[in-house]
Amino acid sequence: MKFPRTYTLKEISEIIDAEFVGDSSFAIQGINEIHVVEKGDIVFVDHPKYYDKALESNASVVLINKKVDCPEGKALLISDDPFRDFNKLTHFFKPFKRASSSIAETAEIGKNTVIQPNTFIGNHVKIGNDCVIHANVSIYDGCVIGNNVVIHSGTVLGADAFYYKNRPEGFDKLLSGGRVVIEDNVDIGASCTIDRGVTGDTTIKEGSKLDNQIQVGHDTVIGQKCLIASHTGIAGCVVIEDEVTLWGQVGVISGITIGKGAVVYAQSGVAQSLQGGKTYFGSPAGEARAKMKELATIKNIPSLLKKVKGNSK
């Protein structure tokens, strides 16, 4: 998530009331999570396990809960609660804005695009040319939709990430300031839910087709010409490369990659990254032929046990 202008380290420290280490005029351009952080960004870390990863990342500024040696060319923001202060920054730069109409005045809608009744289009949404947005679709603030996109009834684009910190008093939500980006020639079925990124973009690339009732988690990237069948659930921060097919009721764990051209059969559970160009089945998903052989072997266990018992007499 980029700021509307470049801020100094001192300005950011004042927004969150935190001590800083580094030149007060150090330039900051945005905030991002560790997996998408870039030079000029702030990243937060609040567990010693991940200190090195954050300090060695592309981030220019690390929001951290311990005084440590500052890497050369970087700056630190010292906070007793980096999670809380990261939320402060998201709220400051991307505050919630209530709607005053079903289609916001700031929304941009392209030529020949059809918006059916009872659709909600939020602030600063951009929709390209020749799209069809069916009735009762909700498109939250900041979403970007390309040309020749079809979105069917009941679908929601841009809901918050499912991201919480477990505190003694209850779950604390990490605020979402990212977007959903839908590229050209994408079809999205009825009653799908595509969550926006926490700081980056949840992206569906050109030519991909989604069936009904599919969940796509925050910051996930779905490549070009993918086919995803009904009831599939994809967690956050997943990378699905081009031309992948996920059949019905596939579940995908967070933070993994499914390689180009992979096919995952129905009711499979993807618990680790999968190589492209192969077909998978089962839970946890493995190469389909091997999984089918396993099932055949399991089916034969009763008869094998009978033979063993018979031979033991």
C-alpha atoms as a PDB file:
ATOM      1  CA  MET A   1       0.000   0.000   0.000  1.00  0.00           C
ATOM      2  CA  LYS A   2       1.582   3.241  -1.134  1.00  0.00           C
ATOM      3  CA  PHE A   3       1.089   6.578   0.579  1.00  0.00           C
ATOM      4  CA  PRO A   4      -0.337   9.531  -1.364  1.00  0.00           C
ATOM      5  CA  ARG A   5       3.058  11.236  -0.981  1.00  0.00           C
ATOM      6  CA  THR A   6       6.470  10.502   0.478  1.00  0.00           C
ATOM      7  CA  TYR A   7       6.539  10.791   4.272  1.00  0.00           C
ATOM      8  CA  THR A   8       9.571  11.206   6.522  1.00  0.00           C
ATOM      9  CA  LEU A   9      10.549   8.857   9.303  1.00  0.00           C
ATOM     10  CA  LYS A  10       9.754  11.613  11.812  1.00  0.00           C
ATOM     11  CA  GLU A  11       6.257  12.143  10.364  1.00  0.00           C
ATOM     12  CA  ILE A  12       5.444   8.445  10.579  1.00  0.00           C
ATOM     13  CA  SER A  13       6.824   8.214  14.121  1.00  0.00           C
ATOM     14  CA  GLU A  14       4.505  11.032  15.159  1.00  0.00           C
ATOM     15  CA  ILE A  15       1.448   9.316  13.637  1.00  0.00           C
ATOM     16  CA  ILE A  16       2.016   6.187  15.739  1.00  0.00           C
ATOM     17  CA  ASP A  17       3.813   7.872  18.667  1.00  0.00           C
ATOM     18  CA  ALA A  18       6.883   5.653  18.371  1.00  0.00           C
ATOM     19  CA  GLU A  19      10.614   6.111  18.876  1.00  0.00           C
ATOM     20  CA  PHE A  20      12.706   5.915  15.714  1.00  0.00           C
ATOM     21  CA  VAL A  21      16.285   4.982  14.829  1.00  0.00           C
ATOM     22  CA  GLY A  22      17.712   6.656  11.749  1.00  0.00           C
ATOM     23  CA  ASP A  23      17.715   9.982   9.939  1.00  0.00           C
ATOM     24  CA  SER A  24      14.535  11.914  10.761  1.00  0.00           C
ATOM     25  CA  SER A  25      14.181  12.860   7.081  1.00  0.00           C
ATOM     26  CA  PHE A  26      14.464   9.234   5.901  1.00  0.00           C
ATOM     27  CA  ALA A  27      11.936   8.829   3.050  1.00  0.00           C
ATOM     28  CA  ILE A  28       9.019   6.383   3.388  1.00  0.00           C
ATOM     29  CA  GLN A  29       6.591   5.632   0.575  1.00  0.00           C
ATOM     30  CA  GLY A  30       4.262   2.919   1.913  1.00  0.00           C
ATOM     31  CA  ILE A  31       3.593  -0.077   4.144  1.00  0.00           C
ATOM     32  CA  ASN A  32       3.514  -3.720   3.149  1.00  0.00           C
ATOM     33  CA  GLU A  33       3.554  -7.243   4.489  1.00  0.00           C
ATOM     34  CA  ILE A  34       6.777  -9.205   4.344  1.00  0.00           C
ATOM     35  CA  HIS A  35       5.885 -11.219   1.217  1.00  0.00           C
ATOM     36  CA  VAL A  36       5.265  -8.115  -0.927  1.00  0.00           C
ATOM     37  CA  VAL A  37       7.438  -5.488   0.762  1.00  0.00           C
ATOM     38  CA  GLU A  38       9.519  -3.182  -1.458  1.00  0.00           C
ATOM     39  CA  LYS A  39      12.218  -0.580  -1.017  1.00  0.00           C
ATOM     40  CA  GLY A  40      10.688   2.513   0.574  1.00  0.00           C
ATOM     41  CA  ASP A  41       8.129   0.469   2.567  1.00  0.00           C
ATOM     42  CA  ILE A  42       7.565  -0.180   6.245  1.00  0.00           C
ATOM     43  CA  VAL A  43       7.201  -3.798   7.380  1.00  0.00           C
ATOM     44  CA  PHE A  44       6.225  -4.844  10.900  1.00  0.00           C
ATOM     45  CA  VAL A  45       7.547  -7.703  13.022  1.00  0.00           C
ATOM     46  CA  ASP A  46       6.601  -8.650  16.592  1.00  0.00           C
ATOM     47  CA  HIS A  47       8.185 -12.068  17.146  1.00  0.00           C
ATOM     48  CA  PRO A  48      11.907 -12.850  17.545  1.00  0.00           C
ATOM     49  CA  LYS A  49      11.520 -15.806  15.173  1.00  0.00           C
ATOM     50  CA  TYR A  50      10.974 -13.378  12.293  1.00  0.00           C
ATOM     51  CA  TYR A  51      13.326 -10.511  13.262  1.00  0.00           C
ATOM     52  CA  ASP A  52      16.069 -11.498  10.823  1.00  0.00           C
ATOM     53  CA  LYS A  53      13.641 -12.050   7.968  1.00  0.00           C
ATOM     54  CA  ALA A  54      12.184  -8.562   8.432  1.00  0.00           C
ATOM     55  CA  LEU A  55      15.531  -6.832   8.962  1.00  0.00           C
ATOM     56  CA  GLU A  56      17.005  -8.516   5.870  1.00  0.00           C
ATOM     57  CA  SER A  57      13.940  -7.934   3.673  1.00  0.00           C
ATOM     58  CA  ASN A  58      13.491  -5.279   0.994  1.00  0.00           C
ATOM     59  CA  ALA A  59      11.819  -3.011   3.550  1.00  0.00           C
ATOM     60  CA  SER A  60      13.465   0.335   4.176  1.00  0.00           C
ATOM     61  CA  VAL A  61      11.897   0.669   7.628  1.00  0.00           C
ATOM     62  CA  VAL A  62      11.190  -2.071  10.178  1.00  0.00           C
ATOM     63  CA  LEU A  63       8.482  -1.508  12.788  1.00  0.00           C
ATOM     64  CA  ILE A  64       9.749  -3.731  15.621  1.00  0.00           C
ATOM     65  CA  ASN A  65       9.133  -4.340  19.330  1.00  0.00           C
ATOM     66  CA  LYS A  66      12.792  -4.477  20.402  1.00  0.00           C
ATOM     67  CA  LYS A  67      15.803  -2.253  20.045  1.00  0.00           C
ATOM     68  CA  VAL A  68      18.213  -4.026  17.702  1.00  0.00           C
ATOM     69  CA  ASP A  69      21.138  -3.007  15.532  1.00  0.00           C
ATOM     70  CA  CYS A  70      19.796  -1.099  12.557  1.00  0.00           C
ATOM     71  CA  PRO A  71      20.978  -2.510   9.207  1.00  0.00           C
ATOM     72  CA  GLU A  72      22.883  -0.102   6.998  1.00  0.00           C
ATOM     73  CA  GLY A  73      20.640   1.906   4.706  1.00  0.00           C
ATOM     74  CA  LYS A  74      17.508   1.207   6.780  1.00  0.00           C
ATOM     75  CA  ALA A  75      15.629   2.773   9.680  1.00  0.00           C
ATOM     76  CA  LEU A  76      13.694   1.405  12.657  1.00  0.00           C
ATOM     77  CA  LEU A  77      10.465   2.334  14.403  1.00  0.00           C
ATOM     78  CA  ILE A  78      10.448   1.010  17.977  1.00  0.00           C
ATOM     79  CA  SER A  79       6.999   0.078  19.290  1.00  0.00           C
ATOM     80  CA  ASP A  80       5.695  -1.900  22.248  1.00  0.00           C
ATOM     81  CA  ASP A  81       3.012  -3.287  19.883  1.00  0.00           C
ATOM     82  CA  PRO A  82       3.897  -3.268  16.162  1.00  0.00           C
ATOM     83  CA  PHE A  83       0.626  -4.999  15.200  1.00  0.00           C
ATOM     84  CA  ARG A  84      -1.381  -2.201  16.798  1.00  0.00           C
ATOM     85  CA  ASP A  85       0.742   0.508  15.216  1.00  0.00           C
ATOM     86  CA  PHE A  86       0.622  -1.096  11.777  1.00  0.00           C
ATOM     87  CA  ASN A  87      -3.158  -0.900  12.129  1.00  0.00           C
ATOM     88  CA  LYS A  88      -2.841   2.768  13.069  1.00  0.00           C
ATOM     89  CA  LEU A  89      -1.033   3.446   9.807  1.00  0.00           C
ATOM     90  CA  THR A  90      -3.603   1.533   7.750  1.00  0.00           C
ATOM     91  CA  HIS A  91      -6.412   3.444   9.450  1.00  0.00           C
ATOM     92  CA  PHE A  92      -4.622   6.754   8.903  1.00  0.00           C
ATOM     93  CA  PHE A  93      -3.969   6.254   5.199  1.00  0.00           C
ATOM     94  CA  LYS A  94      -6.941   4.055   4.241  1.00  0.00           C
ATOM     95  CA  PRO A  95      -9.777   4.884   6.668  1.00  0.00           C
ATOM     96  CA  PHE A  96     -13.208   3.361   6.140  1.00  0.00           C
ATOM     97  CA  LYS A  97     -15.512   5.720   4.262  1.00  0.00           C
ATOM     98  CA  ARG A  98     -19.230   5.188   4.496  1.00  0.00           C
ATOM     99  CA  ALA A  99     -21.229   5.062   1.276  1.00  0.00           C
ATOM    100  CA  SER A 100     -23.802   7.695   0.384  1.00  0.00           C
ATOM    101  CA  SER A 101     -25.207   5.945  -2.698  1.00  0.00           C
ATOM    102  CA  SER A 102     -25.329   2.498  -4.279  1.00  0.00           C
ATOM    103  CA  ILE A 103     -22.825   3.622  -6.930  1.00  0.00           C
ATOM    104  CA  ALA A 104     -20.207   6.007  -5.551  1.00  0.00           C
ATOM    105  CA  GLU A 105     -19.652   9.316  -7.319  1.00  0.00           C
ATOM    106  CA  THR A 106     -15.923   8.567  -7.464  1.00  0.00           C
ATOM    107  CA  ALA A 107     -16.437   5.227  -9.238  1.00  0.00           C
ATOM    108  CA  GLU A 108     -15.249   5.059 -12.859  1.00  0.00           C
ATOM    109  CA  ILE A 109     -17.319   2.875 -15.196  1.00  0.00           C
ATOM    110  CA  GLY A 110     -16.248   2.231 -18.791  1.00  0.00           C
ATOM    111  CA  LYS A 111     -18.143   2.314 -22.058  1.00  0.00           C
ATOM    112  CA  ASN A 112     -20.852  -0.270 -22.768  1.00  0.00           C
ATOM    113  CA  THR A 113     -20.606  -1.692 -19.268  1.00  0.00           C
ATOM    114  CA  VAL A 114     -23.938  -2.890 -17.849  1.00  0.00           C
ATOM    115  CA  ILE A 115     -24.638  -2.537 -14.129  1.00  0.00           C
ATOM    116  CA  GLN A 116     -27.750  -4.484 -13.106  1.00  0.00           C
ATOM    117  CA  PRO A 117     -30.080  -3.275 -10.289  1.00  0.00           C
ATOM    118  CA  ASN A 118     -29.184  -3.538  -6.597  1.00  0.00           C
ATOM    119  CA  THR A 119     -25.448  -3.618  -7.261  1.00  0.00           C
ATOM    120  CA  PHE A 120     -23.174  -1.742  -4.862  1.00  0.00           C
ATOM    121  CA  ILE A 121     -20.041  -0.062  -6.236  1.00  0.00           C
ATOM    122  CA  GLY A 122     -17.823   1.617  -3.661  1.00  0.00           C
ATOM    123  CA  ASN A 123     -15.519   4.604  -3.579  1.00  0.00           C
ATOM    124  CA  HIS A 124     -12.785   4.875  -6.238  1.00  0.00           C
ATOM    125  CA  VAL A 125     -13.737   1.595  -7.933  1.00  0.00           C
ATOM    126  CA  LYS A 126     -12.612   1.335 -11.561  1.00  0.00           C
ATOM    127  CA  ILE A 127     -14.536  -0.845 -14.035  1.00  0.00           C
ATOM    128  CA  GLY A 128     -13.463  -1.151 -17.680  1.00  0.00           C
ATOM    129  CA  ASN A 129     -15.384  -1.394 -20.924  1.00  0.00           C
ATOM    130  CA  ASP A 130     -17.933  -4.018 -22.027  1.00  0.00           C
ATOM    131  CA  CYS A 131     -18.435  -5.566 -18.598  1.00  0.00           C
ATOM    132  CA  VAL A 132     -21.637  -7.081 -17.193  1.00  0.00           C
ATOM    133  CA  ILE A 133     -22.133  -6.759 -13.442  1.00  0.00           C
ATOM    134  CA  HIS A 134     -25.254  -8.703 -12.466  1.00  0.00           C
ATOM    135  CA  ALA A 135     -27.752  -7.871  -9.729  1.00  0.00           C
ATOM    136  CA  ASN A 136     -26.765  -7.821  -6.058  1.00  0.00           C
ATOM    137  CA  VAL A 137     -23.003  -7.788  -6.632  1.00  0.00           C
ATOM    138  CA  SER A 138     -21.015  -5.834  -4.023  1.00  0.00           C
ATOM    139  CA  ILE A 139     -17.750  -4.218  -5.099  1.00  0.00           C
ATOM    140  CA  TYR A 140     -15.948  -2.604  -2.163  1.00  0.00           C
ATOM    141  CA  ASP A 141     -13.806   0.525  -2.249  1.00  0.00           C
ATOM    142  CA  GLY A 142     -10.738   0.626  -4.460  1.00  0.00           C
ATOM    143  CA  CYS A 143     -11.356  -2.505  -6.536  1.00  0.00           C
ATOM    144  CA  VAL A 144     -10.061  -2.476 -10.121  1.00  0.00           C
ATOM    145  CA  ILE A 145     -11.860  -4.426 -12.860  1.00  0.00           C
ATOM    146  CA  GLY A 146     -10.638  -4.690 -16.447  1.00  0.00           C
ATOM    147  CA  ASN A 147     -12.478  -4.975 -19.754  1.00  0.00           C
ATOM    148  CA  ASN A 148     -14.988  -7.637 -20.799  1.00  0.00           C
ATOM    149  CA  VAL A 149     -15.452  -8.981 -17.274  1.00  0.00           C
ATOM    150  CA  VAL A 150     -18.629 -10.793 -16.191  1.00  0.00           C
ATOM    151  CA  ILE A 151     -19.564 -10.972 -12.501  1.00  0.00           C
ATOM    152  CA  HIS A 152     -22.670 -12.907 -11.486  1.00  0.00           C
ATOM    153  CA  SER A 153     -25.190 -12.185  -8.744  1.00  0.00           C
ATOM    154  CA  GLY A 154     -24.279 -12.309  -5.097  1.00  0.00           C
ATOM    155  CA  THR A 155     -20.532 -12.057  -5.552  1.00  0.00           C
ATOM    156  CA  VAL A 156     -18.551  -9.837  -3.158  1.00  0.00           C
ATOM    157  CA  LEU A 157     -15.227  -8.279  -4.143  1.00  0.00           C
ATOM    158  CA  GLY A 158     -13.016  -6.597  -1.583  1.00  0.00           C
ATOM    159  CA  ALA A 159     -14.134  -7.852   1.824  1.00  0.00           C
ATOM    160  CA  ASP A 160     -11.529  -7.754   4.595  1.00  0.00           C
ATOM    161  CA  ALA A 161      -8.763 -10.300   5.013  1.00  0.00           C
ATOM    162  CA  PHE A 162      -9.308 -13.099   7.516  1.00  0.00           C
ATOM    163  CA  TYR A 163      -6.276 -12.122   9.596  1.00  0.00           C
ATOM    164  CA  TYR A 164      -6.299 -11.918  13.404  1.00  0.00           C
ATOM    165  CA  LYS A 165      -3.850 -11.803  16.308  1.00  0.00           C
ATOM    166  CA  ASN A 166      -4.816 -13.940  19.278  1.00  0.00           C
ATOM    167  CA  ARG A 167      -4.650 -11.782  22.401  1.00  0.00           C
ATOM    168  CA  PRO A 168      -5.703 -12.728  25.969  1.00  0.00           C
ATOM    169  CA  GLU A 169      -8.790 -10.531  25.666  1.00  0.00           C
ATOM    170  CA  GLY A 170      -9.785 -11.929  22.248  1.00  0.00           C
ATOM    171  CA  PHE A 171      -8.889 -11.819  18.567  1.00  0.00           C
ATOM    172  CA  ASP A 172      -7.473  -8.531  17.270  1.00  0.00           C
ATOM    173  CA  LYS A 173      -8.092  -7.857  13.588  1.00  0.00           C
ATOM    174  CA  LEU A 174      -5.368  -6.725  11.196  1.00  0.00           C
ATOM    175  CA  LEU A 175      -6.968  -3.982   9.138  1.00  0.00           C
ATOM    176  CA  SER A 176      -7.069  -4.392   5.360  1.00  0.00           C
ATOM    177  CA  GLY A 177      -5.896  -1.553   3.131  1.00  0.00           C
ATOM    178  CA  GLY A 178      -5.242  -3.441  -0.104  1.00  0.00           C
ATOM    179  CA  ARG A 179      -7.298  -4.025  -3.244  1.00  0.00           C
ATOM    180  CA  VAL A 180      -8.858  -6.629  -5.489  1.00  0.00           C
ATOM    181  CA  VAL A 181      -7.661  -6.456  -9.112  1.00  0.00           C
ATOM    182  CA  ILE A 182      -9.555  -8.354 -11.821  1.00  0.00           C
ATOM    183  CA  GLU A 183      -7.884  -8.305 -15.231  1.00  0.00           C
ATOM    184  CA  ASP A 184      -9.522  -8.490 -18.694  1.00  0.00           C
ATOM    185  CA  ASN A 185     -11.793 -11.322 -19.879  1.00  0.00           C
ATOM    186  CA  VAL A 186     -12.372 -12.835 -16.445  1.00  0.00           C
ATOM    187  CA  ASP A 187     -15.695 -14.519 -15.587  1.00  0.00           C
ATOM    188  CA  ILE A 188     -16.729 -14.795 -11.943  1.00  0.00           C
ATOM    189  CA  GLY A 189     -19.720 -16.954 -11.012  1.00  0.00           C
ATOM    190  CA  ALA A 190     -22.509 -16.380  -8.517  1.00  0.00           C
ATOM    191  CA  SER A 191     -21.891 -16.005  -4.772  1.00  0.00           C
ATOM    192  CA  CYS A 192     -18.092 -15.884  -4.934  1.00  0.00           C
ATOM    193  CA  THR A 193     -16.099 -14.005  -2.297  1.00  0.00           C
ATOM    194  CA  ILE A 194     -12.739 -12.473  -3.141  1.00  0.00           C
ATOM    195  CA  ASP A 195     -11.008 -10.727  -0.238  1.00  0.00           C
ATOM    196  CA  ARG A 196      -8.782  -7.720  -0.711  1.00  0.00           C
ATOM    197  CA  GLY A 197      -5.134  -7.714   0.192  1.00  0.00           C
ATOM    198  CA  VAL A 198      -3.976  -6.590   3.606  1.00  0.00           C
ATOM    199  CA  THR A 199      -1.599  -4.096   2.001  1.00  0.00           C
ATOM    200  CA  GLY A 200      -1.181  -5.446  -1.530  1.00  0.00           C
ATOM    201  CA  ASP A 201      -3.519  -6.781  -4.221  1.00  0.00           C
ATOM    202  CA  THR A 202      -5.567  -9.931  -4.509  1.00  0.00           C
ATOM    203  CA  THR A 203      -5.327 -10.518  -8.257  1.00  0.00           C
ATOM    204  CA  ILE A 204      -7.141 -12.632 -10.833  1.00  0.00           C
ATOM    205  CA  LYS A 205      -5.288 -12.432 -14.122  1.00  0.00           C
ATOM    206  CA  GLU A 206      -6.510 -12.282 -17.686  1.00  0.00           C
ATOM    207  CA  GLY A 207      -8.814 -14.950 -19.033  1.00  0.00           C
ATOM    208  CA  SER A 208      -9.390 -16.934 -15.835  1.00  0.00           C
ATOM    209  CA  LYS A 209     -12.833 -18.380 -15.141  1.00  0.00           C
ATOM    210  CA  LEU A 210     -14.350 -18.950 -11.699  1.00  0.00           C
ATOM    211  CA  ASP A 211     -17.438 -21.073 -11.072  1.00  0.00           C
ATOM    212  CA  ASN A 212     -20.042 -20.327  -8.375  1.00  0.00           C
ATOM    213  CA  GLN A 213     -19.384 -20.224  -4.614  1.00  0.00           C
ATOM    214  CA  ILE A 214     -15.615 -19.879  -4.560  1.00  0.00           C
ATOM    215  CA  GLN A 215     -13.573 -18.224  -1.798  1.00  0.00           C
ATOM    216  CA  VAL A 216     -10.294 -16.466  -2.628  1.00  0.00           C
ATOM    217  CA  GLY A 217      -8.258 -15.241   0.339  1.00  0.00           C
ATOM    218  CA  HIS A 218      -6.279 -12.042   0.776  1.00  0.00           C
ATOM    219  CA  ASP A 219      -3.211 -11.311  -1.363  1.00  0.00           C
ATOM    220  CA  THR A 220      -3.675 -14.449  -3.451  1.00  0.00           C
ATOM    221  CA  VAL A 221      -2.664 -14.251  -7.118  1.00  0.00           C
ATOM    222  CA  ILE A 222      -4.474 -16.404  -9.679  1.00  0.00           C
ATOM    223  CA  GLY A 223      -2.691 -16.556 -13.025  1.00  0.00           C
ATOM    224  CA  GLN A 224      -3.926 -16.361 -16.598  1.00  0.00           C
ATOM    225  CA  LYS A 225      -6.429 -18.839 -18.073  1.00  0.00           C
ATOM    226  CA  CYS A 226      -7.080 -20.736 -14.859  1.00  0.00           C
ATOM    227  CA  LEU A 227     -10.270 -22.765 -14.315  1.00  0.00           C
ATOM    228  CA  ILE A 228     -11.621 -23.009 -10.768  1.00  0.00           C
ATOM    229  CA  ALA A 229     -14.729 -25.079 -10.071  1.00  0.00           C
ATOM    230  CA  SER A 230     -17.444 -24.600  -7.467  1.00  0.00           C
ATOM    231  CA  HIS A 231     -16.901 -24.747  -3.681  1.00  0.00           C
ATOM    232  CA  THR A 232     -13.148 -24.332  -3.944  1.00  0.00           C
ATOM    233  CA  GLY A 233     -11.565 -22.488  -1.006  1.00  0.00           C
ATOM    234  CA  ILE A 234      -8.221 -20.748  -1.492  1.00  0.00           C
ATOM    235  CA  ALA A 235      -6.484 -19.273   1.540  1.00  0.00           C
ATOM    236  CA  GLY A 236      -4.457 -16.060   1.650  1.00  0.00           C
ATOM    237  CA  CYS A 237      -1.080 -15.404   0.025  1.00  0.00           C
ATOM    238  CA  VAL A 238      -1.365 -18.283  -2.450  1.00  0.00           C
ATOM    239  CA  VAL A 239       0.221 -18.094  -5.915  1.00  0.00           C
ATOM    240  CA  ILE A 240      -1.631 -20.055  -8.588  1.00  0.00           C
ATOM    241  CA  GLU A 241       0.336 -19.913 -11.806  1.00  0.00           C
ATOM    242  CA  ASP A 242      -1.120 -19.802 -15.343  1.00  0.00           C
ATOM    243  CA  GLU A 243      -3.444 -22.468 -16.763  1.00  0.00           C
ATOM    244  CA  VAL A 244      -4.080 -24.273 -13.475  1.00  0.00           C
ATOM    245  CA  THR A 245      -7.343 -26.226 -13.052  1.00  0.00           C
ATOM    246  CA  LEU A 246      -8.868 -26.731  -9.596  1.00  0.00           C
ATOM    247  CA  TRP A 247     -11.947 -28.952  -9.622  1.00  0.00           C
ATOM    248  CA  GLY A 248     -14.801 -28.758  -7.135  1.00  0.00           C
ATOM    249  CA  GLN A 249     -14.294 -28.555  -3.382  1.00  0.00           C
ATOM    250  CA  VAL A 250     -10.521 -28.240  -3.541  1.00  0.00           C
ATOM    251  CA  GLY A 251      -9.050 -26.651  -0.415  1.00  0.00           C
ATOM    252  CA  VAL A 252      -5.738 -24.768  -0.599  1.00  0.00           C
ATOM    253  CA  ILE A 253      -3.657 -23.831   2.453  1.00  0.00           C
ATOM    254  CA  SER A 254      -2.081 -20.356   2.741  1.00  0.00           C
ATOM    255  CA  GLY A 255       1.293 -19.265   1.433  1.00  0.00           C
ATOM    256  CA  ILE A 256       1.951 -21.963  -1.172  1.00  0.00           C
ATOM    257  CA  THR A 257       2.437 -22.035  -4.961  1.00  0.00           C
ATOM    258  CA  ILE A 258       0.632 -24.244  -7.478  1.00  0.00           C
ATOM    259  CA  GLY A 259       2.737 -24.475 -10.634  1.00  0.00           C
ATOM    260  CA  LYS A 260       1.711 -23.724 -14.201  1.00  0.00           C
ATOM    261  CA  GLY A 261      -0.614 -26.227 -15.834  1.00  0.00           C
ATOM    262  CA  ALA A 262      -1.275 -28.280 -12.698  1.00  0.00           C
ATOM    263  CA  VAL A 263      -4.644 -30.036 -12.371  1.00  0.00           C
ATOM    264  CA  VAL A 264      -6.106 -30.800  -8.941  1.00  0.00           C
ATOM    265  CA  TYR A 265      -9.024 -33.243  -8.825  1.00  0.00           C
ATOM    266  CA  ALA A 266     -12.185 -32.611  -6.807  1.00  0.00           C
ATOM    267  CA  GLN A 267     -12.211 -32.787  -2.994  1.00  0.00           C
ATOM    268  CA  SER A 268      -8.439 -32.611  -2.732  1.00  0.00           C
ATOM    269  CA  GLY A 269      -6.617 -30.775   0.034  1.00  0.00           C
ATOM    270  CA  VAL A 270      -3.498 -28.901  -1.046  1.00  0.00           C
ATOM    271  CA  ALA A 271      -1.200 -28.632   1.981  1.00  0.00           C
ATOM    272  CA  GLN A 272       2.101 -27.817   0.255  1.00  0.00           C
ATOM    273  CA  SER A 273       3.358 -26.303  -2.992  1.00  0.00           C
ATOM    274  CA  LEU A 274       2.726 -28.375  -6.129  1.00  0.00           C
ATOM    275  CA  GLN A 275       4.875 -28.590  -9.253  1.00  0.00           C
ATOM    276  CA  GLY A 276       3.335 -27.536 -12.527  1.00  0.00           C
ATOM    277  CA  GLY A 277       2.348 -29.820 -15.366  1.00  0.00           C
ATOM    278  CA  LYS A 278       1.108 -32.673 -13.141  1.00  0.00           C
ATOM    279  CA  THR A 279      -2.255 -33.997 -11.974  1.00  0.00           C
ATOM    280  CA  TYR A 280      -3.009 -34.280  -8.249  1.00  0.00           C
ATOM    281  CA  PHE A 281      -5.603 -35.900  -6.001  1.00  0.00           C
ATOM    282  CA  GLY A 282      -6.274 -36.614  -2.331  1.00  0.00           C
ATOM    283  CA  SER A 283      -5.722 -34.970   1.027  1.00  0.00           C
ATOM    284  CA  PRO A 284      -2.936 -34.156   1.377  1.00  0.00           C
ATOM    285  CA  ALA A 285      -2.796 -33.908  -2.410  1.00  0.00           C
ATOM    286  CA  GLY A 286      -0.263 -36.059  -4.221  1.00  0.00           C
ATOM    287  CA  GLU A 287       0.244 -37.186  -7.792  1.00  0.00           C
ATOM    288  CA  ALA A 288      -3.059 -38.688  -8.884  1.00  0.00           C
ATOM    289  CA  ARG A 289      -1.788 -42.060 -10.144  1.00  0.00           C
ATOM    290  CA  ALA A 290       0.101 -42.754  -6.933  1.00  0.00           C
ATOM    291  CA  LYS A 291      -2.921 -41.753  -4.841  1.00  0.00           C
ATOM    292  CA  MET A 292      -5.212 -44.027  -6.865  1.00  0.00           C
ATOM    293  CA  LYS A 293      -2.804 -46.938  -6.300  1.00  0.00           C
ATOM    294  CA  GLU A 294      -2.828 -46.189  -2.560  1.00  0.00           C
ATOM    295  CA  LEU A 295      -6.631 -46.316  -2.508  1.00  0.00           C
ATOM    296  CA  ALA A 296      -6.628 -49.597  -4.443  1.00  0.00           C
ATOM    297  CA  THR A 297      -4.151 -51.045  -1.955  1.00  0.00           C
ATOM    298  CA  ILE A 298      -6.268 -49.925   1.014  1.00  0.00           C
ATOM    299  CA  LYS A 299      -9.333 -51.516  -0.597  1.00  0.00           C
ATOM    300  CA  ASN A 300      -7.467 -54.846  -0.740  1.00  0.00           C
ATOM    301  CA  ILE A 301      -6.398 -54.809   2.934  1.00  0.00           C
ATOM    302  CA  PRO A 302      -9.400 -56.891   4.208  1.00  0.00           C
ATOM    303  CA  SER A 303      -8.751 -59.704   1.707  1.00  0.00           C
ATOM    304  CA  LEU A 304      -5.026 -59.613   2.470  1.00  0.00           C
ATOM    305  CA  LEU A 305      -5.772 -59.926   6.202  1.00  0.00           C
ATOM    306  CA  LYS A 306      -7.987 -62.945   5.527  1.00  0.00           C
ATOM    307  CA  LYS A 307      -5.173 -64.578   3.594  1.00  0.00           C
ATOM    308  CA  VAL A 308      -2.701 -63.888   6.426  1.00  0.00           C
ATOM    309  CA  LYS A 309      -5.069 -65.357   9.013  1.00  0.00           C
ATOM    310  CA  GLY A 310      -5.718 -68.388   6.790  1.00  0.00           C
ATOM    311  CA  ASN A 311      -2.024 -69.055   6.328  1.00  0.00           C
ATOM    312  CA  SER A 312      -1.351 -68.769  10.072  1.00  0.00           C
ATOM    313  CA  LYS A 313      -3.625 -71.730  10.887  1.00  0.00           C
END
